[in-house]
Amino acid sequence: MNPQLLRLRSLLLRVLPVLLAAGLMAWVIRGLDDPRRLIDLFREAARRPGWLAAGILAFGGALLCGTLRWALLLRLLRVPMRAARIVRLYAIGHFYNVLIPGATGGDVVKAGCVVHDYPAQRPEAVGSILAERFSGFIALAMLVLAVAVSMPSVFVGAAAEGRSWGECLRALALFRPLSAAEGAAVPISGAGRAAWLYCIGFGAATLAGTGVLFWSDAPRRLLRGGREGELRGWRAFLLRLYGAMQISVRDMRVFGEVFALSILNHVFTALCTAWLGGALGLSVGLVEMVGVMAVVNAVTAVSLTPGGAGVREVATSALLLNIGIAKDSAVAMSLLTYGAILLWALVGGLAHINLASAPVGARKSAPEGGVPGE
């Protein structure tokens, strides 16, 4: 291909996601009756610095849960990384998750660092990152399925007023409007129904894929390609990588701890948005907020914009509106949440600047030809 076309394509791939994120944010703000009302809301939030600080610290708690989750998996796979290095690399990963389109850009950067740090344990080090990501997906899948079944009002919105849980769930599942005792039936918005179906599909597909990937022998047979004996080259690397991930999921004690940290991660994310709402003078139930943010995280998990920017604000403001938050306050809460995410990304950026002087730690080799427990 023409080098100029390659450069143009590369530029478009970097610029278009940013433009999409900016366009979605602008669309959310312009959808308000009076966008200038946001300035008043931000001034009101500034008068409650305690709530702002609590919300920002809550997102730091979510990142801490992710860091501990990765540390547990590194220890399980016997990758001897120092605690300070783990914290530093996780912060840098968050920085790149916000900067790079998609939700896994930071994982690629972390993988590059650990491969450099532990050349003899590359499959296990990279496997710990993938296992940390998958364990988070498993917890998120279970959470959004629980929300879709137990909290249909999050998707139905104002139409759920005066309706029972069963009525809302039947209307969503059977693609029907909500029945009305008097007058015409109340339709459910297409966006709400689509979000409910997405959560069902995301949760079911993630859990089914996890079962096939980690609880069957098909991936191992595929990687071996019918070859017997010791493998070399890329097949050996991928087989050790898969073995490391499989151990991470099948060790029930460690997986239980990792799963609990994943749920805590979502709770802290919900607390972040709820407490930032407190800065606006709002009071939102934690259970409802956990449900809302679980759906938002599921949506942004497959976003093509940098760190889910724009997509997150559209989803957050729409779902907050469904649980009774006024539209301008819902948009303000979503933007304040994004601000907290950016502040912690700045911390990761500072950690990246100091990366060169960070101690690498001991470099121990994994047993040749396998991973612990194989």
Protein backbone atom coordinates (compact mmCIF):
# COMPACT_ATOMS: atom_id res chain seq x y z
CA MET A 1 0.00 0.00 0.00
CA ASN A 2 1.11 3.57 -0.70
CA PRO A 3 3.07 4.93 2.32
CA GLN A 4 1.07 8.17 2.22
CA LEU A 5 -2.19 6.22 2.38
CA LEU A 6 -0.83 4.21 5.30
CA ARG A 7 0.06 7.41 7.16
CA LEU A 8 -3.38 8.87 6.37
CA ARG A 9 -5.11 5.73 7.61
CA SER A 10 -3.01 5.76 10.80
CA LEU A 11 -3.89 9.42 11.38
CA LEU A 12 -7.60 8.78 10.83
CA LEU A 13 -7.55 5.84 13.25
CA ARG A 14 -6.10 8.13 15.91
CA VAL A 15 -8.22 11.21 15.20
CA LEU A 16 -11.66 9.75 14.44
CA PRO A 17 -12.20 8.16 17.90
CA VAL A 18 -11.30 11.48 19.53
CA LEU A 19 -13.70 13.35 17.24
CA LEU A 20 -16.41 10.79 17.99
CA ALA A 21 -15.91 11.24 21.75
CA ALA A 22 -16.01 15.02 21.44
CA GLY A 23 -19.10 14.84 19.23
CA LEU A 24 -20.97 12.60 21.69
CA MET A 25 -20.12 14.88 24.61
CA ALA A 26 -21.24 17.93 22.64
CA TRP A 27 -24.47 16.13 21.71
CA VAL A 28 -25.20 15.33 25.37
CA ILE A 29 -24.57 18.94 26.44
CA ARG A 30 -26.50 20.51 23.56
CA GLY A 31 -29.44 18.24 24.39
CA LEU A 32 -30.02 20.25 27.57
CA ASP A 33 -32.69 22.96 27.57
CA ASP A 34 -30.09 25.43 28.82
CA PRO A 35 -26.47 24.17 28.57
CA ARG A 36 -25.33 27.18 30.63
CA ARG A 37 -27.09 25.56 33.58
CA LEU A 38 -24.08 23.21 33.80
CA ILE A 39 -21.87 26.12 34.88
CA ASP A 40 -24.23 26.85 37.77
CA LEU A 41 -24.21 23.19 38.77
CA PHE A 42 -20.41 23.02 38.72
CA ARG A 43 -20.26 26.15 40.89
CA GLU A 44 -22.68 24.52 43.29
CA ALA A 45 -20.47 21.42 43.41
CA ALA A 46 -17.42 23.59 44.15
CA ARG A 47 -19.19 24.81 47.27
CA ARG A 48 -19.18 21.22 48.59
CA PRO A 49 -15.48 20.27 48.34
CA GLY A 50 -15.91 17.41 50.82
CA TRP A 51 -18.28 15.57 48.47
CA LEU A 52 -16.00 16.24 45.50
CA ALA A 53 -12.97 14.91 47.38
CA ALA A 54 -14.93 11.83 48.50
CA GLY A 55 -16.01 11.10 44.93
CA ILE A 56 -12.48 11.47 43.57
CA LEU A 57 -11.05 9.27 46.32
CA ALA A 58 -13.75 6.66 45.66
CA PHE A 59 -12.50 6.26 42.10
CA GLY A 60 -9.02 5.85 43.54
CA GLY A 61 -10.50 3.02 45.63
CA ALA A 62 -11.75 1.39 42.42
CA LEU A 63 -8.24 1.56 40.95
CA LEU A 64 -6.79 0.15 44.19
CA CYS A 65 -9.12 -2.87 43.91
CA GLY A 66 -7.87 -3.47 40.38
CA THR A 67 -4.26 -3.16 41.53
CA LEU A 68 -4.77 -5.71 44.33
CA ARG A 69 -6.53 -8.02 41.87
CA TRP A 70 -3.51 -7.97 39.57
CA ALA A 71 -1.12 -8.42 42.50
CA LEU A 72 -2.96 -11.59 43.59
CA LEU A 73 -2.66 -13.06 40.11
CA LEU A 74 1.02 -12.15 39.82
CA ARG A 75 1.67 -13.92 43.13
CA LEU A 76 -0.32 -16.97 42.02
CA LEU A 77 1.77 -17.22 38.85
CA ARG A 78 5.01 -16.59 40.77
CA VAL A 79 5.99 -13.40 38.95
CA PRO A 80 8.13 -11.62 41.59
CA MET A 81 7.10 -8.03 40.98
CA ARG A 82 7.53 -5.52 43.80
CA ALA A 83 4.43 -3.83 45.20
CA ALA A 84 5.63 -0.35 44.19
CA ARG A 85 6.17 -1.56 40.63
CA ILE A 86 2.68 -3.10 40.50
CA VAL A 87 1.08 0.15 41.67
CA ARG A 88 3.13 2.20 39.20
CA LEU A 89 2.34 -0.01 36.21
CA TYR A 90 -1.37 -0.19 37.06
CA ALA A 91 -1.50 3.62 37.26
CA ILE A 92 0.25 3.86 33.90
CA GLY A 93 -2.22 1.34 32.50
CA HIS A 94 -5.11 3.56 33.63
CA PHE A 95 -3.45 6.55 31.95
CA TYR A 96 -3.32 4.72 28.62
CA ASN A 97 -6.82 3.29 29.05
CA VAL A 98 -8.05 6.89 29.09
CA LEU A 99 -5.73 7.98 26.27
CA ILE A 100 -6.03 5.11 23.77
CA PRO A 101 -9.27 4.19 21.94
CA GLY A 102 -10.98 1.14 23.41
CA ALA A 103 -10.91 -0.19 26.94
CA THR A 104 -7.70 -2.26 26.85
CA GLY A 105 -4.99 0.11 25.60
CA GLY A 106 -3.45 0.23 29.06
CA ASP A 107 -3.22 -3.57 29.14
CA VAL A 108 -1.06 -3.49 26.01
CA VAL A 109 1.29 -0.95 27.61
CA LYS A 110 1.50 -2.95 30.85
CA ALA A 111 2.21 -6.09 28.85
CA GLY A 112 5.09 -4.36 27.08
CA CYS A 113 6.57 -3.34 30.44
CA VAL A 114 6.32 -6.76 32.09
CA VAL A 115 7.70 -8.54 29.02
CA HIS A 116 10.74 -6.26 29.25
CA ASP A 117 11.05 -6.77 33.02
CA TYR A 118 10.64 -10.56 33.09
CA PRO A 119 11.91 -12.02 29.79
CA ALA A 120 12.00 -15.59 31.18
CA GLN A 121 8.42 -15.32 32.44
CA ARG A 122 6.77 -13.52 29.57
CA PRO A 123 3.80 -15.91 29.22
CA GLU A 124 3.01 -15.79 32.94
CA ALA A 125 3.45 -12.02 33.22
CA VAL A 126 1.24 -11.30 30.20
CA GLY A 127 -1.17 -14.03 31.31
CA SER A 128 -1.65 -12.25 34.66
CA ILE A 129 -2.77 -9.10 32.80
CA LEU A 130 -5.20 -11.00 30.59
CA ALA A 131 -6.51 -13.00 33.55
CA GLU A 132 -7.06 -9.77 35.50
CA ARG A 133 -9.05 -8.38 32.57
CA PHE A 134 -11.09 -11.58 32.13
CA SER A 135 -11.87 -11.85 35.84
CA GLY A 136 -13.21 -8.31 35.74
CA PHE A 137 -15.35 -9.21 32.72
CA ILE A 138 -16.74 -12.27 34.51
CA ALA A 139 -17.76 -10.19 37.53
CA LEU A 140 -19.22 -7.49 35.28
CA ALA A 141 -21.17 -10.10 33.27
CA MET A 142 -22.73 -11.53 36.43
CA LEU A 143 -23.49 -8.04 37.71
CA VAL A 144 -25.23 -6.80 34.57
CA LEU A 145 -27.28 -10.00 34.34
CA ALA A 146 -28.37 -9.45 37.95
CA VAL A 147 -29.24 -5.82 37.15
CA ALA A 148 -31.19 -6.80 34.02
CA VAL A 149 -33.28 -9.31 35.99
CA SER A 150 -33.66 -7.57 39.36
CA MET A 151 -33.71 -3.88 38.37
CA PRO A 152 -35.76 -3.52 35.15
CA SER A 153 -36.77 0.00 36.22
CA VAL A 154 -33.23 1.15 35.32
CA PHE A 155 -34.09 0.43 31.67
CA VAL A 156 -37.81 1.30 31.70
CA GLY A 157 -37.43 4.74 33.24
CA ALA A 158 -40.43 6.92 34.04
CA ALA A 159 -42.78 4.36 32.49
CA ALA A 160 -42.04 2.08 35.49
CA GLU A 161 -43.78 4.43 37.92
CA GLY A 162 -46.56 2.56 39.68
CA ARG A 163 -45.62 -0.72 37.97
CA SER A 164 -44.39 -3.84 39.71
CA TRP A 165 -41.02 -5.49 39.11
CA GLY A 166 -42.76 -8.37 37.28
CA GLU A 167 -44.69 -6.08 34.94
CA CYS A 168 -41.54 -4.20 33.93
CA LEU A 169 -39.55 -7.38 33.38
CA ARG A 170 -42.31 -9.03 31.31
CA ALA A 171 -42.67 -5.92 29.16
CA LEU A 172 -38.91 -5.90 28.45
CA ALA A 173 -38.65 -9.64 27.82
CA LEU A 174 -41.76 -9.91 25.63
CA PHE A 175 -41.14 -6.69 23.64
CA ARG A 176 -44.44 -5.25 24.76
CA PRO A 177 -45.46 -1.85 26.10
CA LEU A 178 -46.37 -1.62 29.75
CA SER A 179 -50.04 -2.35 30.26
CA ALA A 180 -52.17 0.44 31.67
CA ALA A 181 -55.17 0.11 33.92
CA GLU A 182 -56.65 3.24 32.37
CA GLY A 183 -56.05 4.67 28.93
CA ALA A 184 -53.37 3.63 26.42
CA ALA A 185 -50.44 1.36 27.21
CA VAL A 186 -47.13 3.07 28.00
CA PRO A 187 -44.34 2.25 25.52
CA ILE A 188 -40.77 1.54 26.63
CA SER A 189 -38.12 3.61 24.86
CA GLY A 190 -36.11 1.85 22.18
CA ALA A 191 -32.87 2.90 23.88
CA GLY A 192 -33.96 1.38 27.20
CA ARG A 193 -34.98 -1.89 25.58
CA ALA A 194 -31.74 -2.00 23.56
CA ALA A 195 -29.69 -1.44 26.73
CA TRP A 196 -31.54 -4.29 28.48
CA LEU A 197 -30.97 -6.65 25.55
CA TYR A 198 -27.31 -5.62 25.38
CA CYS A 199 -26.83 -6.46 29.07
CA ILE A 200 -28.45 -9.87 28.60
CA GLY A 201 -26.31 -10.57 25.53
CA PHE A 202 -23.10 -9.23 27.07
CA GLY A 203 -23.55 -11.23 30.26
CA ALA A 204 -24.57 -14.48 28.55
CA ALA A 205 -21.85 -14.26 25.87
CA THR A 206 -19.11 -13.45 28.42
CA LEU A 207 -20.02 -16.33 30.73
CA ALA A 208 -20.46 -18.80 27.86
CA GLY A 209 -17.18 -17.73 26.29
CA THR A 210 -15.40 -18.06 29.63
CA GLY A 211 -16.75 -21.58 30.06
CA VAL A 212 -15.48 -22.65 26.65
CA LEU A 213 -12.16 -20.86 27.02
CA PHE A 214 -11.18 -21.99 30.50
CA TRP A 215 -13.22 -25.09 31.34
CA SER A 216 -12.77 -27.13 28.18
CA ASP A 217 -9.65 -28.59 26.58
CA ALA A 218 -10.49 -27.30 23.09
CA PRO A 219 -8.21 -24.20 23.23
CA ARG A 220 -5.25 -26.32 24.37
CA ARG A 221 -5.79 -28.82 21.56
CA LEU A 222 -6.11 -25.98 19.07
CA LEU A 223 -2.85 -24.41 20.23
CA ARG A 224 -1.00 -27.70 20.03
CA GLY A 225 -2.28 -28.22 16.47
CA GLY A 226 -2.07 -31.99 16.78
CA ARG A 227 1.59 -31.89 17.71
CA GLU A 228 2.92 -34.17 20.45
CA GLY A 229 5.87 -33.57 22.75
CA GLU A 230 7.56 -30.31 23.64
CA LEU A 231 6.59 -27.27 21.59
CA ARG A 232 8.79 -24.36 20.62
CA GLY A 233 8.34 -20.87 19.28
CA TRP A 234 5.03 -19.04 19.29
CA ARG A 235 3.01 -22.18 20.01
CA ALA A 236 4.98 -22.79 23.21
CA PHE A 237 4.52 -19.16 24.25
CA LEU A 238 0.76 -19.21 23.65
CA LEU A 239 0.38 -22.56 25.40
CA ARG A 240 2.15 -21.25 28.51
CA LEU A 241 0.12 -18.05 28.30
CA TYR A 242 -3.13 -20.01 28.13
CA GLY A 243 -1.99 -22.27 30.98
CA ALA A 244 -1.30 -19.24 33.16
CA MET A 245 -4.75 -17.79 32.46
CA GLN A 246 -6.43 -21.15 33.07
CA ILE A 247 -4.72 -21.55 36.45
CA SER A 248 -5.83 -18.02 37.38
CA VAL A 249 -9.48 -18.85 36.75
CA ARG A 250 -9.48 -22.43 38.08
CA ASP A 251 -7.82 -21.69 41.42
CA MET A 252 -11.05 -21.18 43.35
CA ARG A 253 -9.51 -19.52 46.40
CA VAL A 254 -7.64 -16.89 44.41
CA PHE A 255 -10.48 -16.48 41.93
CA GLY A 256 -12.89 -15.90 44.82
CA GLU A 257 -10.66 -13.13 46.16
CA VAL A 258 -10.24 -11.66 42.67
CA PHE A 259 -14.00 -11.82 42.08
CA ALA A 260 -14.70 -10.03 45.39
CA LEU A 261 -12.22 -7.28 44.44
CA SER A 262 -13.95 -6.94 41.06
CA ILE A 263 -17.31 -6.40 42.74
CA LEU A 264 -15.71 -3.88 45.13
CA ASN A 265 -14.26 -2.13 42.09
CA HIS A 266 -17.79 -1.58 40.76
CA VAL A 267 -19.05 -0.48 44.17
CA PHE A 268 -16.32 2.16 44.43
CA THR A 269 -17.09 3.35 40.88
CA ALA A 270 -20.74 3.73 41.88
CA LEU A 271 -19.75 5.56 45.06
CA CYS A 272 -17.64 7.93 42.97
CA THR A 273 -20.63 9.00 40.87
CA ALA A 274 -23.04 8.99 43.82
CA TRP A 275 -20.77 11.18 45.99
CA LEU A 276 -20.10 13.55 43.10
CA GLY A 277 -23.89 13.76 42.85
CA GLY A 278 -23.84 14.64 46.55
CA ALA A 279 -21.73 17.67 45.60
CA LEU A 280 -24.70 18.74 43.47
CA GLY A 281 -27.06 18.32 46.42
CA LEU A 282 -28.46 15.01 45.15
CA SER A 283 -29.09 11.81 47.09
CA VAL A 284 -28.93 8.57 45.11
CA GLY A 285 -29.25 5.05 46.54
CA LEU A 286 -26.07 2.98 46.34
CA VAL A 287 -27.84 -0.12 44.99
CA GLU A 288 -29.40 1.86 42.14
CA MET A 289 -26.09 3.52 41.39
CA VAL A 290 -24.24 0.18 41.32
CA GLY A 291 -26.81 -1.04 38.79
CA VAL A 292 -26.46 2.08 36.64
CA MET A 293 -22.65 2.07 36.63
CA ALA A 294 -22.49 -1.68 35.93
CA VAL A 295 -24.51 -1.11 32.75
CA VAL A 296 -22.34 1.89 31.85
CA ASN A 297 -19.15 -0.18 32.34
CA ALA A 298 -20.56 -2.95 30.15
CA VAL A 299 -21.30 -0.45 27.39
CA THR A 300 -17.90 1.26 27.56
CA ALA A 301 -16.13 -2.13 27.62
CA VAL A 302 -16.62 -2.32 23.84
CA SER A 303 -16.34 1.40 23.10
CA LEU A 304 -14.06 2.63 20.32
CA THR A 305 -13.50 6.07 21.85
CA PRO A 306 -10.53 6.83 24.15
CA GLY A 307 -11.41 5.34 27.53
CA GLY A 308 -15.09 5.21 26.53
CA ALA A 309 -15.29 9.02 26.58
CA GLY A 310 -18.54 10.31 25.16
CA VAL A 311 -20.13 6.88 25.18
CA ARG A 312 -19.89 6.85 28.99
CA GLU A 313 -21.52 10.27 29.27
CA VAL A 314 -24.38 9.34 26.94
CA ALA A 315 -25.08 6.09 28.81
CA THR A 316 -24.62 7.55 32.31
CA SER A 317 -26.87 10.56 31.76
CA ALA A 318 -29.58 8.44 30.10
CA LEU A 319 -29.64 5.84 32.88
CA LEU A 320 -29.51 8.45 35.66
CA LEU A 321 -32.50 10.08 34.01
CA ASN A 322 -34.28 6.71 34.18
CA ILE A 323 -33.85 6.54 37.97
CA GLY A 324 -35.30 10.00 38.51
CA ILE A 325 -32.32 12.38 38.26
CA ALA A 326 -33.09 15.61 36.40
CA LYS A 327 -31.47 15.76 32.95
CA ASP A 328 -29.11 18.66 33.66
CA SER A 329 -27.99 17.10 36.96
CA ALA A 330 -27.52 13.71 35.26
CA VAL A 331 -25.23 15.26 32.62
CA ALA A 332 -23.32 17.17 35.32
CA MET A 333 -22.81 13.95 37.32
CA SER A 334 -21.51 12.13 34.25
CA LEU A 335 -19.06 14.95 33.44
CA LEU A 336 -17.85 15.16 37.04
CA THR A 337 -17.23 11.39 36.96
CA TYR A 338 -15.19 11.80 33.79
CA GLY A 339 -13.26 14.57 35.54
CA ALA A 340 -12.39 12.18 38.39
CA ILE A 341 -11.23 9.59 35.86
CA LEU A 342 -9.01 12.20 34.17
CA LEU A 343 -7.49 13.28 37.49
CA TRP A 344 -6.41 9.72 38.26
CA ALA A 345 -5.16 9.37 34.69
CA LEU A 346 -2.95 12.39 35.39
CA VAL A 347 -1.47 10.46 38.33
CA GLY A 348 -0.74 7.61 35.93
CA GLY A 349 0.87 10.05 33.51
CA LEU A 350 3.18 11.30 36.25
CA ALA A 351 4.04 7.68 37.10
CA HIS A 352 4.87 7.15 33.42
CA ILE A 353 7.29 10.09 33.46
CA ASN A 354 9.16 8.49 36.37
CA LEU A 355 9.05 4.95 34.96
CA ALA A 356 12.64 4.91 33.79
CA SER A 357 13.97 5.40 37.30
CA ALA A 358 11.66 2.78 38.90
CA PRO A 359 13.29 -0.40 40.24
CA VAL A 360 12.51 -3.44 38.19
CA GLY A 361 12.91 -5.93 41.03
CA ALA A 362 14.22 -9.45 40.99
CA ARG A 363 13.90 -11.38 37.77
CA LYS A 364 13.18 -14.99 38.51
CA SER A 365 12.57 -17.55 35.89
CA ALA A 366 9.54 -19.75 35.59
CA PRO A 367 10.09 -23.46 35.14
CA GLU A 368 11.00 -24.18 31.56
CA GLY A 369 8.16 -25.58 29.50
CA GLY A 370 5.30 -24.68 31.81
CA VAL A 371 3.76 -22.56 34.51
CA PRO A 372 3.23 -23.22 38.18
CA GLY A 373 0.79 -26.02 38.68
CA GLU A 374 1.05 -27.51 35.18
